[in-house]
Amino acid sequence: MKLRHKIFFITIGLLILAGLFAAIWLNYRDIVENFFKYAFDRQTLINLLRHQGKHNAVLFMAVIAIGSAIPGIPIATIAILSGICFGRWLGFGINICGIVIGNLLAINILGAFPHKIKPSRFRYLADRLKNMRHPRMGLSIGYAIPMLPTLLVNYAALELKMSLKNKTLCILIGSLPVSFLYAFGGDELIFGNTKAVVIAVVILLLLFGLYEIIRRDQKMVAGKA
Protein backbone atom coordinates (compact mmCIF):
# COMPACT_ATOMS: atom_id res chain seq x y z
CA MET A 1 0.00 0.00 0.00
CA LYS A 2 1.43 3.36 -1.04
CA LEU A 3 1.96 6.10 1.53
CA ARG A 4 -0.90 8.30 0.28
CA HIS A 5 -3.33 5.38 0.48
CA LYS A 6 -2.14 4.52 3.97
CA ILE A 7 -2.55 8.13 5.15
CA PHE A 8 -6.03 8.31 3.61
CA PHE A 9 -7.36 5.12 5.19
CA ILE A 10 -5.77 5.75 8.58
CA THR A 11 -7.17 9.31 8.65
CA ILE A 12 -10.66 8.09 7.75
CA GLY A 13 -10.40 5.33 10.34
CA LEU A 14 -9.28 7.73 13.08
CA LEU A 15 -12.13 10.12 12.28
CA ILE A 16 -14.64 7.28 12.49
CA LEU A 17 -13.10 6.12 15.76
CA ALA A 18 -13.35 9.64 17.20
CA GLY A 19 -17.03 9.78 16.26
CA LEU A 20 -17.73 6.36 17.78
CA PHE A 21 -15.92 7.22 21.02
CA ALA A 22 -17.92 10.45 21.21
CA ALA A 23 -21.17 8.48 20.80
CA ILE A 24 -20.15 6.02 23.54
CA TRP A 25 -19.20 8.86 25.88
CA LEU A 26 -22.56 10.61 25.32
CA ASN A 27 -24.40 7.37 26.14
CA TYR A 28 -22.46 6.68 29.32
CA ARG A 29 -21.54 10.19 30.49
CA ASP A 30 -24.40 10.54 32.97
CA ILE A 31 -23.54 7.24 34.65
CA VAL A 32 -19.86 8.13 35.00
CA GLU A 33 -20.56 11.66 36.27
CA ASN A 34 -23.22 10.49 38.74
CA PHE A 35 -20.97 7.71 40.00
CA PHE A 36 -18.26 10.18 40.98
CA LYS A 37 -20.81 12.69 42.28
CA TYR A 38 -22.90 10.39 44.45
CA ALA A 39 -20.49 7.46 44.96
CA PHE A 40 -23.22 4.78 44.72
CA ASP A 41 -22.35 1.15 45.33
CA ARG A 42 -20.75 -1.23 42.85
CA GLN A 43 -23.89 -3.28 42.16
CA THR A 44 -25.86 -0.14 41.27
CA LEU A 45 -23.07 0.87 38.89
CA ILE A 46 -23.13 -2.56 37.23
CA ASN A 47 -26.91 -2.45 36.83
CA LEU A 48 -26.79 1.01 35.29
CA LEU A 49 -23.99 0.09 32.88
CA ARG A 50 -25.72 -3.09 31.74
CA HIS A 51 -29.12 -1.54 31.19
CA GLN A 52 -28.07 1.19 28.81
CA GLY A 53 -29.51 -0.58 25.80
CA LYS A 54 -28.15 -3.30 23.55
CA HIS A 55 -27.68 -0.78 20.72
CA ASN A 56 -24.48 0.27 22.46
CA ALA A 57 -23.07 -3.17 21.65
CA VAL A 58 -22.98 -2.09 18.00
CA LEU A 59 -20.88 0.96 18.92
CA PHE A 60 -18.39 -1.14 20.89
CA MET A 61 -18.22 -3.69 18.07
CA ALA A 62 -17.59 -0.93 15.52
CA VAL A 63 -14.80 0.59 17.64
CA ILE A 64 -13.09 -2.81 17.98
CA ALA A 65 -13.49 -3.46 14.24
CA ILE A 66 -12.04 -0.13 13.15
CA GLY A 67 -9.30 -0.36 15.79
CA SER A 68 -8.36 -3.85 14.59
CA ALA A 69 -8.14 -2.60 11.00
CA ILE A 70 -5.77 0.29 11.82
CA PRO A 71 -2.15 -0.78 12.51
CA GLY A 72 -0.89 0.17 15.94
CA ILE A 73 -4.27 0.92 17.53
CA PRO A 74 -4.61 -0.89 20.89
CA ILE A 75 -8.07 -2.40 21.26
CA ALA A 76 -7.48 -3.96 24.68
CA THR A 77 -9.08 -1.09 26.63
CA ILE A 78 -12.36 -1.03 24.70
CA ALA A 79 -12.44 -4.86 24.62
CA ILE A 80 -12.12 -4.95 28.42
CA LEU A 81 -14.81 -2.27 28.69
CA SER A 82 -17.14 -4.47 26.63
CA GLY A 83 -16.82 -7.11 29.36
CA ILE A 84 -17.48 -4.46 32.02
CA CYS A 85 -20.49 -2.91 30.28
CA PHE A 86 -22.14 -6.01 28.81
CA GLY A 87 -20.95 -8.93 30.90
CA ARG A 88 -18.67 -11.79 30.02
CA TRP A 89 -20.61 -13.63 27.32
CA LEU A 90 -22.08 -10.69 25.42
CA GLY A 91 -18.74 -8.89 25.74
CA PHE A 92 -17.02 -12.01 24.46
CA GLY A 93 -19.25 -12.04 21.38
CA ILE A 94 -18.76 -8.31 20.79
CA ASN A 95 -14.99 -8.70 20.91
CA ILE A 96 -14.94 -11.68 18.54
CA CYS A 97 -17.24 -10.04 15.98
CA GLY A 98 -15.30 -6.78 16.09
CA ILE A 99 -11.90 -8.43 15.66
CA VAL A 100 -13.07 -10.67 12.81
CA ILE A 101 -14.81 -7.84 10.93
CA GLY A 102 -11.86 -5.49 11.44
CA ASN A 103 -9.23 -7.91 10.17
CA LEU A 104 -11.33 -8.94 7.17
CA LEU A 105 -11.73 -5.24 6.36
CA ALA A 106 -7.96 -4.72 6.65
CA ILE A 107 -7.23 -7.73 4.41
CA ASN A 108 -9.63 -6.47 1.74
CA ILE A 109 -8.09 -2.99 1.80
CA LEU A 110 -4.56 -4.42 1.61
CA GLY A 111 -5.64 -6.62 -1.29
CA ALA A 112 -7.17 -3.67 -3.16
CA PHE A 113 -3.99 -1.60 -2.78
CA PRO A 114 -1.13 -4.12 -2.98
CA HIS A 115 2.32 -3.01 -1.97
CA LYS A 116 5.38 -4.85 -0.73
CA ILE A 117 5.56 -4.77 3.06
CA LYS A 118 8.64 -3.24 4.65
CA PRO A 119 11.04 -5.46 6.61
CA SER A 120 10.24 -5.84 10.30
CA ARG A 121 11.73 -7.57 13.29
CA PHE A 122 8.50 -9.58 13.37
CA ARG A 123 8.62 -10.50 9.67
CA TYR A 124 10.54 -13.73 10.24
CA LEU A 125 7.84 -14.90 12.65
CA ALA A 126 5.07 -14.06 10.18
CA ASP A 127 6.96 -16.05 7.52
CA ARG A 128 7.19 -19.00 9.88
CA LEU A 129 3.46 -18.89 10.44
CA LYS A 130 2.85 -18.80 6.70
CA ASN A 131 5.29 -21.64 5.96
CA MET A 132 4.07 -24.09 8.59
CA ARG A 133 2.97 -27.52 7.43
CA HIS A 134 -0.57 -26.38 8.23
CA PRO A 135 -0.72 -22.71 7.16
CA ARG A 136 -4.25 -22.19 8.44
CA MET A 137 -3.17 -23.25 11.91
CA GLY A 138 -0.19 -20.90 11.60
CA LEU A 139 -2.43 -17.94 10.75
CA SER A 140 -4.78 -18.77 13.61
CA ILE A 141 -1.81 -18.76 15.96
CA GLY A 142 -0.66 -15.44 14.48
CA TYR A 143 -4.01 -13.80 15.23
CA ALA A 144 -3.92 -15.24 18.75
CA ILE A 145 -0.55 -13.70 19.67
CA PRO A 146 -1.14 -10.09 20.84
CA MET A 147 2.59 -9.30 20.54
CA LEU A 148 2.62 -10.02 16.78
CA PRO A 149 1.36 -7.12 14.62
CA THR A 150 -1.81 -8.23 12.86
CA LEU A 151 -0.74 -6.24 9.80
CA LEU A 152 1.93 -8.87 9.10
CA VAL A 153 -0.52 -11.72 9.70
CA ASN A 154 -3.01 -10.09 7.34
CA TYR A 155 -0.30 -9.83 4.68
CA ALA A 156 0.47 -13.52 5.22
CA ALA A 157 -3.23 -14.33 4.71
CA LEU A 158 -3.15 -12.39 1.44
CA GLU A 159 -0.02 -14.17 0.23
CA LEU A 160 -1.59 -17.57 0.92
CA LYS A 161 -4.59 -16.60 -1.27
CA MET A 162 -7.05 -18.37 0.97
CA SER A 163 -10.81 -18.27 0.48
CA LEU A 164 -12.95 -15.87 2.49
CA LYS A 165 -14.28 -18.81 4.50
CA ASN A 166 -10.78 -19.97 5.49
CA LYS A 167 -9.58 -16.46 6.31
CA THR A 168 -12.64 -15.87 8.47
CA LEU A 169 -12.15 -19.20 10.23
CA CYS A 170 -8.47 -18.44 10.98
CA ILE A 171 -9.29 -15.01 12.39
CA LEU A 172 -12.19 -16.43 14.40
CA ILE A 173 -10.11 -19.20 15.98
CA GLY A 174 -7.21 -16.84 16.66
CA SER A 175 -9.44 -14.20 18.25
CA LEU A 176 -11.02 -16.58 20.77
CA PRO A 177 -8.25 -16.46 23.44
CA VAL A 178 -7.82 -12.67 23.50
CA SER A 179 -11.58 -12.06 23.27
CA PHE A 180 -12.03 -14.37 26.26
CA LEU A 181 -9.22 -12.69 28.17
CA TYR A 182 -10.57 -9.17 27.66
CA ALA A 183 -14.29 -9.84 28.16
CA PHE A 184 -14.05 -12.22 31.10
CA GLY A 185 -11.28 -10.12 32.64
CA GLY A 186 -13.42 -6.98 32.38
CA ASP A 187 -16.40 -8.75 33.92
CA GLU A 188 -14.33 -10.09 36.80
CA LEU A 189 -12.64 -6.72 37.23
CA ILE A 190 -15.85 -4.80 37.90
CA PHE A 191 -16.88 -7.42 40.47
CA GLY A 192 -13.47 -7.16 42.15
CA ASN A 193 -12.80 -10.87 41.61
CA THR A 194 -9.14 -11.90 41.80
CA LYS A 195 -9.83 -14.82 39.46
CA ALA A 196 -9.41 -12.33 36.62
CA VAL A 197 -5.69 -12.11 37.40
CA VAL A 198 -5.33 -15.90 37.40
CA ILE A 199 -7.20 -16.25 34.11
CA ALA A 200 -5.10 -13.51 32.50
CA VAL A 201 -1.82 -15.10 33.58
CA VAL A 202 -2.82 -18.57 32.35
CA ILE A 203 -3.96 -17.31 28.95
CA LEU A 204 -0.86 -15.16 28.49
CA LEU A 205 1.34 -18.17 29.29
CA LEU A 206 -0.55 -20.21 26.70
CA LEU A 207 -0.11 -17.46 24.11
CA PHE A 208 3.61 -17.26 24.75
CA GLY A 209 3.73 -21.04 24.45
CA LEU A 210 2.37 -20.76 20.91
CA TYR A 211 5.75 -19.46 19.80
CA GLU A 212 7.32 -22.74 20.90
CA ILE A 213 4.80 -24.62 18.74
CA ILE A 214 5.82 -22.52 15.73
CA ARG A 215 9.51 -23.06 16.40
CA ARG A 216 9.20 -26.84 16.72
CA ASP A 217 7.02 -27.07 13.63
CA GLN A 218 9.62 -25.15 11.66
CA LYS A 219 12.37 -27.46 12.89
CA MET A 220 10.43 -30.52 11.73
CA VAL A 221 9.90 -28.97 8.30
CA ALA A 222 13.61 -28.11 8.03
CA GLY A 223 14.59 -31.63 9.11
CA LYS A 224 12.51 -33.19 6.35
CA ALA A 225 13.90 -30.84 3.69
C-alpha atoms as a PDB file:
ATOM      1  CA  MET A   1       0.000   0.000   0.000  1.00  0.00           C
ATOM      2  CA  LYS A   2       1.426   3.365  -1.035  1.00  0.00           C
ATOM      3  CA  LEU A   3       1.956   6.103   1.533  1.00  0.00           C
ATOM      4  CA  ARG A   4      -0.897   8.297   0.284  1.00  0.00           C
ATOM      5  CA  HIS A   5      -3.327   5.380   0.477  1.00  0.00           C
ATOM      6  CA  LYS A   6      -2.136   4.523   3.966  1.00  0.00           C
ATOM      7  CA  ILE A   7      -2.550   8.131   5.146  1.00  0.00           C
ATOM      8  CA  PHE A   8      -6.026   8.314   3.612  1.00  0.00           C
ATOM      9  CA  PHE A   9      -7.364   5.121   5.193  1.00  0.00           C
ATOM     10  CA  ILE A  10      -5.774   5.752   8.584  1.00  0.00           C
ATOM     11  CA  THR A  11      -7.165   9.306   8.647  1.00  0.00           C
ATOM     12  CA  ILE A  12     -10.660   8.095   7.751  1.00  0.00           C
ATOM     13  CA  GLY A  13     -10.397   5.332  10.344  1.00  0.00           C
ATOM     14  CA  LEU A  14      -9.282   7.728  13.081  1.00  0.00           C
ATOM     15  CA  LEU A  15     -12.126  10.123  12.284  1.00  0.00           C
ATOM     16  CA  ILE A  16     -14.639   7.282  12.486  1.00  0.00           C
ATOM     17  CA  LEU A  17     -13.095   6.125  15.762  1.00  0.00           C
ATOM     18  CA  ALA A  18     -13.351   9.637  17.196  1.00  0.00           C
ATOM     19  CA  GLY A  19     -17.034   9.780  16.263  1.00  0.00           C
ATOM     20  CA  LEU A  20     -17.735   6.357  17.780  1.00  0.00           C
ATOM     21  CA  PHE A  21     -15.920   7.216  21.019  1.00  0.00           C
ATOM     22  CA  ALA A  22     -17.920  10.447  21.215  1.00  0.00           C
ATOM     23  CA  ALA A  23     -21.169   8.485  20.800  1.00  0.00           C
ATOM     24  CA  ILE A  24     -20.151   6.017  23.537  1.00  0.00           C
ATOM     25  CA  TRP A  25     -19.200   8.858  25.875  1.00  0.00           C
ATOM     26  CA  LEU A  26     -22.556  10.605  25.322  1.00  0.00           C
ATOM     27  CA  ASN A  27     -24.400   7.368  26.136  1.00  0.00           C
ATOM     28  CA  TYR A  28     -22.462   6.678  29.324  1.00  0.00           C
ATOM     29  CA  ARG A  29     -21.535  10.186  30.491  1.00  0.00           C
ATOM     30  CA  ASP A  30     -24.404  10.540  32.967  1.00  0.00           C
ATOM     31  CA  ILE A  31     -23.539   7.242  34.647  1.00  0.00           C
ATOM     32  CA  VAL A  32     -19.863   8.130  34.999  1.00  0.00           C
ATOM     33  CA  GLU A  33     -20.559  11.656  36.273  1.00  0.00           C
ATOM     34  CA  ASN A  34     -23.220  10.493  38.743  1.00  0.00           C
ATOM     35  CA  PHE A  35     -20.968   7.714  39.997  1.00  0.00           C
ATOM     36  CA  PHE A  36     -18.257  10.180  40.979  1.00  0.00           C
ATOM     37  CA  LYS A  37     -20.811  12.687  42.276  1.00  0.00           C
ATOM     38  CA  TYR A  38     -22.902  10.388  44.451  1.00  0.00           C
ATOM     39  CA  ALA A  39     -20.488   7.458  44.959  1.00  0.00           C
ATOM     40  CA  PHE A  40     -23.221   4.779  44.723  1.00  0.00           C
ATOM     41  CA  ASP A  41     -22.346   1.154  45.335  1.00  0.00           C
ATOM     42  CA  ARG A  42     -20.752  -1.233  42.849  1.00  0.00           C
ATOM     43  CA  GLN A  43     -23.890  -3.278  42.164  1.00  0.00           C
ATOM     44  CA  THR A  44     -25.857  -0.143  41.271  1.00  0.00           C
ATOM     45  CA  LEU A  45     -23.074   0.875  38.890  1.00  0.00           C
ATOM     46  CA  ILE A  46     -23.126  -2.562  37.232  1.00  0.00           C
ATOM     47  CA  ASN A  47     -26.909  -2.453  36.830  1.00  0.00           C
ATOM     48  CA  LEU A  48     -26.787   1.009  35.287  1.00  0.00           C
ATOM     49  CA  LEU A  49     -23.994   0.086  32.876  1.00  0.00           C
ATOM     50  CA  ARG A  50     -25.716  -3.087  31.743  1.00  0.00           C
ATOM     51  CA  HIS A  51     -29.122  -1.536  31.194  1.00  0.00           C
ATOM     52  CA  GLN A  52     -28.069   1.193  28.806  1.00  0.00           C
ATOM     53  CA  GLY A  53     -29.513  -0.584  25.797  1.00  0.00           C
ATOM     54  CA  LYS A  54     -28.150  -3.298  23.550  1.00  0.00           C
ATOM     55  CA  HIS A  55     -27.684  -0.777  20.724  1.00  0.00           C
ATOM     56  CA  ASN A  56     -24.480   0.274  22.455  1.00  0.00           C
ATOM     57  CA  ALA A  57     -23.073  -3.172  21.652  1.00  0.00           C
ATOM     58  CA  VAL A  58     -22.979  -2.095  17.996  1.00  0.00           C
ATOM     59  CA  LEU A  59     -20.883   0.960  18.924  1.00  0.00           C
ATOM     60  CA  PHE A  60     -18.391  -1.145  20.887  1.00  0.00           C
ATOM     61  CA  MET A  61     -18.219  -3.688  18.069  1.00  0.00           C
ATOM     62  CA  ALA A  62     -17.585  -0.933  15.521  1.00  0.00           C
ATOM     63  CA  VAL A  63     -14.797   0.586  17.639  1.00  0.00           C
ATOM     64  CA  ILE A  64     -13.088  -2.805  17.975  1.00  0.00           C
ATOM     65  CA  ALA A  65     -13.491  -3.464  14.241  1.00  0.00           C
ATOM     66  CA  ILE A  66     -12.038  -0.126  13.151  1.00  0.00           C
ATOM     67  CA  GLY A  67      -9.302  -0.358  15.791  1.00  0.00           C
ATOM     68  CA  SER A  68      -8.363  -3.849  14.587  1.00  0.00           C
ATOM     69  CA  ALA A  69      -8.137  -2.600  11.002  1.00  0.00           C
ATOM     70  CA  ILE A  70      -5.765   0.289  11.823  1.00  0.00           C
ATOM     71  CA  PRO A  71      -2.147  -0.777  12.506  1.00  0.00           C
ATOM     72  CA  GLY A  72      -0.889   0.174  15.936  1.00  0.00           C
ATOM     73  CA  ILE A  73      -4.268   0.923  17.534  1.00  0.00           C
ATOM     74  CA  PRO A  74      -4.609  -0.894  20.887  1.00  0.00           C
ATOM     75  CA  ILE A  75      -8.075  -2.404  21.259  1.00  0.00           C
ATOM     76  CA  ALA A  76      -7.480  -3.959  24.680  1.00  0.00           C
ATOM     77  CA  THR A  77      -9.083  -1.089  26.629  1.00  0.00           C
ATOM     78  CA  ILE A  78     -12.363  -1.030  24.702  1.00  0.00           C
ATOM     79  CA  ALA A  79     -12.443  -4.858  24.615  1.00  0.00           C
ATOM     80  CA  ILE A  80     -12.116  -4.948  28.416  1.00  0.00           C
ATOM     81  CA  LEU A  81     -14.813  -2.272  28.685  1.00  0.00           C
ATOM     82  CA  SER A  82     -17.141  -4.469  26.632  1.00  0.00           C
ATOM     83  CA  GLY A  83     -16.825  -7.107  29.355  1.00  0.00           C
ATOM     84  CA  ILE A  84     -17.484  -4.462  32.022  1.00  0.00           C
ATOM     85  CA  CYS A  85     -20.490  -2.907  30.275  1.00  0.00           C
ATOM     86  CA  PHE A  86     -22.139  -6.014  28.813  1.00  0.00           C
ATOM     87  CA  GLY A  87     -20.952  -8.932  30.904  1.00  0.00           C
ATOM     88  CA  ARG A  88     -18.668 -11.794  30.018  1.00  0.00           C
ATOM     89  CA  TRP A  89     -20.614 -13.633  27.319  1.00  0.00           C
ATOM     90  CA  LEU A  90     -22.076 -10.695  25.422  1.00  0.00           C
ATOM     91  CA  GLY A  91     -18.743  -8.886  25.738  1.00  0.00           C
ATOM     92  CA  PHE A  92     -17.017 -12.011  24.460  1.00  0.00           C
ATOM     93  CA  GLY A  93     -19.254 -12.035  21.382  1.00  0.00           C
ATOM     94  CA  ILE A  94     -18.762  -8.308  20.785  1.00  0.00           C
ATOM     95  CA  ASN A  95     -14.989  -8.695  20.906  1.00  0.00           C
ATOM     96  CA  ILE A  96     -14.936 -11.675  18.537  1.00  0.00           C
ATOM     97  CA  CYS A  97     -17.242 -10.041  15.975  1.00  0.00           C
ATOM     98  CA  GLY A  98     -15.302  -6.779  16.094  1.00  0.00           C
ATOM     99  CA  ILE A  99     -11.897  -8.432  15.665  1.00  0.00           C
ATOM    100  CA  VAL A 100     -13.074 -10.673  12.814  1.00  0.00           C
ATOM    101  CA  ILE A 101     -14.807  -7.845  10.927  1.00  0.00           C
ATOM    102  CA  GLY A 102     -11.861  -5.494  11.442  1.00  0.00           C
ATOM    103  CA  ASN A 103      -9.226  -7.914  10.173  1.00  0.00           C
ATOM    104  CA  LEU A 104     -11.331  -8.939   7.171  1.00  0.00           C
ATOM    105  CA  LEU A 105     -11.728  -5.240   6.363  1.00  0.00           C
ATOM    106  CA  ALA A 106      -7.959  -4.723   6.655  1.00  0.00           C
ATOM    107  CA  ILE A 107      -7.230  -7.726   4.415  1.00  0.00           C
ATOM    108  CA  ASN A 108      -9.632  -6.470   1.743  1.00  0.00           C
ATOM    109  CA  ILE A 109      -8.094  -2.993   1.804  1.00  0.00           C
ATOM    110  CA  LEU A 110      -4.560  -4.417   1.610  1.00  0.00           C
ATOM    111  CA  GLY A 111      -5.637  -6.617  -1.294  1.00  0.00           C
ATOM    112  CA  ALA A 112      -7.166  -3.668  -3.155  1.00  0.00           C
ATOM    113  CA  PHE A 113      -3.990  -1.604  -2.781  1.00  0.00           C
ATOM    114  CA  PRO A 114      -1.134  -4.124  -2.977  1.00  0.00           C
ATOM    115  CA  HIS A 115       2.319  -3.008  -1.966  1.00  0.00           C
ATOM    116  CA  LYS A 116       5.377  -4.848  -0.731  1.00  0.00           C
ATOM    117  CA  ILE A 117       5.562  -4.774   3.056  1.00  0.00           C
ATOM    118  CA  LYS A 118       8.638  -3.237   4.655  1.00  0.00           C
ATOM    119  CA  PRO A 119      11.043  -5.459   6.605  1.00  0.00           C
ATOM    120  CA  SER A 120      10.241  -5.836  10.297  1.00  0.00           C
ATOM    121  CA  ARG A 121      11.732  -7.567  13.286  1.00  0.00           C
ATOM    122  CA  PHE A 122       8.500  -9.585  13.366  1.00  0.00           C
ATOM    123  CA  ARG A 123       8.620 -10.500   9.673  1.00  0.00           C
ATOM    124  CA  TYR A 124      10.542 -13.732  10.240  1.00  0.00           C
ATOM    125  CA  LEU A 125       7.841 -14.897  12.651  1.00  0.00           C
ATOM    126  CA  ALA A 126       5.069 -14.064  10.179  1.00  0.00           C
ATOM    127  CA  ASP A 127       6.958 -16.048   7.521  1.00  0.00           C
ATOM    128  CA  ARG A 128       7.195 -18.999   9.884  1.00  0.00           C
ATOM    129  CA  LEU A 129       3.464 -18.894  10.436  1.00  0.00           C
ATOM    130  CA  LYS A 130       2.849 -18.803   6.704  1.00  0.00           C
ATOM    131  CA  ASN A 131       5.295 -21.638   5.965  1.00  0.00           C
ATOM    132  CA  MET A 132       4.073 -24.086   8.591  1.00  0.00           C
ATOM    133  CA  ARG A 133       2.967 -27.516   7.431  1.00  0.00           C
ATOM    134  CA  HIS A 134      -0.566 -26.381   8.232  1.00  0.00           C
ATOM    135  CA  PRO A 135      -0.716 -22.713   7.162  1.00  0.00           C
ATOM    136  CA  ARG A 136      -4.252 -22.191   8.443  1.00  0.00           C
ATOM    137  CA  MET A 137      -3.170 -23.250  11.907  1.00  0.00           C
ATOM    138  CA  GLY A 138      -0.195 -20.901  11.595  1.00  0.00           C
ATOM    139  CA  LEU A 139      -2.431 -17.940  10.754  1.00  0.00           C
ATOM    140  CA  SER A 140      -4.782 -18.770  13.610  1.00  0.00           C
ATOM    141  CA  ILE A 141      -1.805 -18.756  15.965  1.00  0.00           C
ATOM    142  CA  GLY A 142      -0.659 -15.440  14.484  1.00  0.00           C
ATOM    143  CA  TYR A 143      -4.007 -13.800  15.227  1.00  0.00           C
ATOM    144  CA  ALA A 144      -3.920 -15.242  18.745  1.00  0.00           C
ATOM    145  CA  ILE A 145      -0.551 -13.702  19.674  1.00  0.00           C
ATOM    146  CA  PRO A 146      -1.135 -10.093  20.836  1.00  0.00           C
ATOM    147  CA  MET A 147       2.593  -9.304  20.544  1.00  0.00           C
ATOM    148  CA  LEU A 148       2.625 -10.020  16.782  1.00  0.00           C
ATOM    149  CA  PRO A 149       1.364  -7.116  14.618  1.00  0.00           C
ATOM    150  CA  THR A 150      -1.814  -8.228  12.857  1.00  0.00           C
ATOM    151  CA  LEU A 151      -0.743  -6.238   9.796  1.00  0.00           C
ATOM    152  CA  LEU A 152       1.926  -8.872   9.104  1.00  0.00           C
ATOM    153  CA  VAL A 153      -0.516 -11.716   9.697  1.00  0.00           C
ATOM    154  CA  ASN A 154      -3.015 -10.088   7.337  1.00  0.00           C
ATOM    155  CA  TYR A 155      -0.296  -9.826   4.681  1.00  0.00           C
ATOM    156  CA  ALA A 156       0.471 -13.516   5.220  1.00  0.00           C
ATOM    157  CA  ALA A 157      -3.226 -14.329   4.712  1.00  0.00           C
ATOM    158  CA  LEU A 158      -3.148 -12.386   1.438  1.00  0.00           C
ATOM    159  CA  GLU A 159      -0.017 -14.174   0.233  1.00  0.00           C
ATOM    160  CA  LEU A 160      -1.593 -17.566   0.923  1.00  0.00           C
ATOM    161  CA  LYS A 161      -4.587 -16.598  -1.271  1.00  0.00           C
ATOM    162  CA  MET A 162      -7.050 -18.370   0.969  1.00  0.00           C
ATOM    163  CA  SER A 163     -10.808 -18.268   0.482  1.00  0.00           C
ATOM    164  CA  LEU A 164     -12.954 -15.874   2.487  1.00  0.00           C
ATOM    165  CA  LYS A 165     -14.281 -18.808   4.502  1.00  0.00           C
ATOM    166  CA  ASN A 166     -10.783 -19.975   5.488  1.00  0.00           C
ATOM    167  CA  LYS A 167      -9.582 -16.455   6.312  1.00  0.00           C
ATOM    168  CA  THR A 168     -12.643 -15.874   8.472  1.00  0.00           C
ATOM    169  CA  LEU A 169     -12.146 -19.202  10.232  1.00  0.00           C
ATOM    170  CA  CYS A 170      -8.474 -18.439  10.978  1.00  0.00           C
ATOM    171  CA  ILE A 171      -9.287 -15.006  12.393  1.00  0.00           C
ATOM    172  CA  LEU A 172     -12.190 -16.427  14.403  1.00  0.00           C
ATOM    173  CA  ILE A 173     -10.105 -19.198  15.978  1.00  0.00           C
ATOM    174  CA  GLY A 174      -7.214 -16.835  16.657  1.00  0.00           C
ATOM    175  CA  SER A 175      -9.442 -14.202  18.246  1.00  0.00           C
ATOM    176  CA  LEU A 176     -11.023 -16.583  20.766  1.00  0.00           C
ATOM    177  CA  PRO A 177      -8.250 -16.456  23.436  1.00  0.00           C
ATOM    178  CA  VAL A 178      -7.824 -12.670  23.500  1.00  0.00           C
ATOM    179  CA  SER A 179     -11.576 -12.064  23.274  1.00  0.00           C
ATOM    180  CA  PHE A 180     -12.034 -14.369  26.257  1.00  0.00           C
ATOM    181  CA  LEU A 181      -9.222 -12.689  28.172  1.00  0.00           C
ATOM    182  CA  TYR A 182     -10.569  -9.175  27.660  1.00  0.00           C
ATOM    183  CA  ALA A 183     -14.291  -9.842  28.158  1.00  0.00           C
ATOM    184  CA  PHE A 184     -14.050 -12.223  31.103  1.00  0.00           C
ATOM    185  CA  GLY A 185     -11.275 -10.120  32.639  1.00  0.00           C
ATOM    186  CA  GLY A 186     -13.420  -6.983  32.379  1.00  0.00           C
ATOM    187  CA  ASP A 187     -16.402  -8.753  33.917  1.00  0.00           C
ATOM    188  CA  GLU A 188     -14.327 -10.091  36.799  1.00  0.00           C
ATOM    189  CA  LEU A 189     -12.640  -6.716  37.232  1.00  0.00           C
ATOM    190  CA  ILE A 190     -15.850  -4.804  37.898  1.00  0.00           C
ATOM    191  CA  PHE A 191     -16.884  -7.415  40.472  1.00  0.00           C
ATOM    192  CA  GLY A 192     -13.472  -7.160  42.146  1.00  0.00           C
ATOM    193  CA  ASN A 193     -12.796 -10.867  41.610  1.00  0.00           C
ATOM    194  CA  THR A 194      -9.144 -11.902  41.803  1.00  0.00           C
ATOM    195  CA  LYS A 195      -9.832 -14.816  39.459  1.00  0.00           C
ATOM    196  CA  ALA A 196      -9.409 -12.335  36.617  1.00  0.00           C
ATOM    197  CA  VAL A 197      -5.691 -12.113  37.404  1.00  0.00           C
ATOM    198  CA  VAL A 198      -5.327 -15.901  37.402  1.00  0.00           C
ATOM    199  CA  ILE A 199      -7.202 -16.246  34.107  1.00  0.00           C
ATOM    200  CA  ALA A 200      -5.098 -13.510  32.502  1.00  0.00           C
ATOM    201  CA  VAL A 201      -1.821 -15.102  33.581  1.00  0.00           C
ATOM    202  CA  VAL A 202      -2.819 -18.572  32.355  1.00  0.00           C
ATOM    203  CA  ILE A 203      -3.957 -17.313  28.951  1.00  0.00           C
ATOM    204  CA  LEU A 204      -0.861 -15.163  28.493  1.00  0.00           C
ATOM    205  CA  LEU A 205       1.340 -18.171  29.291  1.00  0.00           C
ATOM    206  CA  LEU A 206      -0.545 -20.209  26.704  1.00  0.00           C
ATOM    207  CA  LEU A 207      -0.108 -17.460  24.111  1.00  0.00           C
ATOM    208  CA  PHE A 208       3.615 -17.255  24.751  1.00  0.00           C
ATOM    209  CA  GLY A 209       3.727 -21.037  24.446  1.00  0.00           C
ATOM    210  CA  LEU A 210       2.374 -20.765  20.907  1.00  0.00           C
ATOM    211  CA  TYR A 211       5.749 -19.455  19.804  1.00  0.00           C
ATOM    212  CA  GLU A 212       7.320 -22.743  20.896  1.00  0.00           C
ATOM    213  CA  ILE A 213       4.799 -24.617  18.738  1.00  0.00           C
ATOM    214  CA  ILE A 214       5.818 -22.520  15.728  1.00  0.00           C
ATOM    215  CA  ARG A 215       9.515 -23.062  16.403  1.00  0.00           C
ATOM    216  CA  ARG A 216       9.202 -26.837  16.722  1.00  0.00           C
ATOM    217  CA  ASP A 217       7.018 -27.074  13.632  1.00  0.00           C
ATOM    218  CA  GLN A 218       9.620 -25.148  11.657  1.00  0.00           C
ATOM    219  CA  LYS A 219      12.371 -27.464  12.888  1.00  0.00           C
ATOM    220  CA  MET A 220      10.430 -30.524  11.730  1.00  0.00           C
ATOM    221  CA  VAL A 221       9.897 -28.968   8.305  1.00  0.00           C
ATOM    222  CA  ALA A 222      13.607 -28.109   8.029  1.00  0.00           C
ATOM    223  CA  GLY A 223      14.594 -31.632   9.114  1.00  0.00           C
ATOM    224  CA  LYS A 224      12.509 -33.194   6.353  1.00  0.00           C
ATOM    225  CA  ALA A 225      13.899 -30.839   3.690  1.00  0.00           C
END
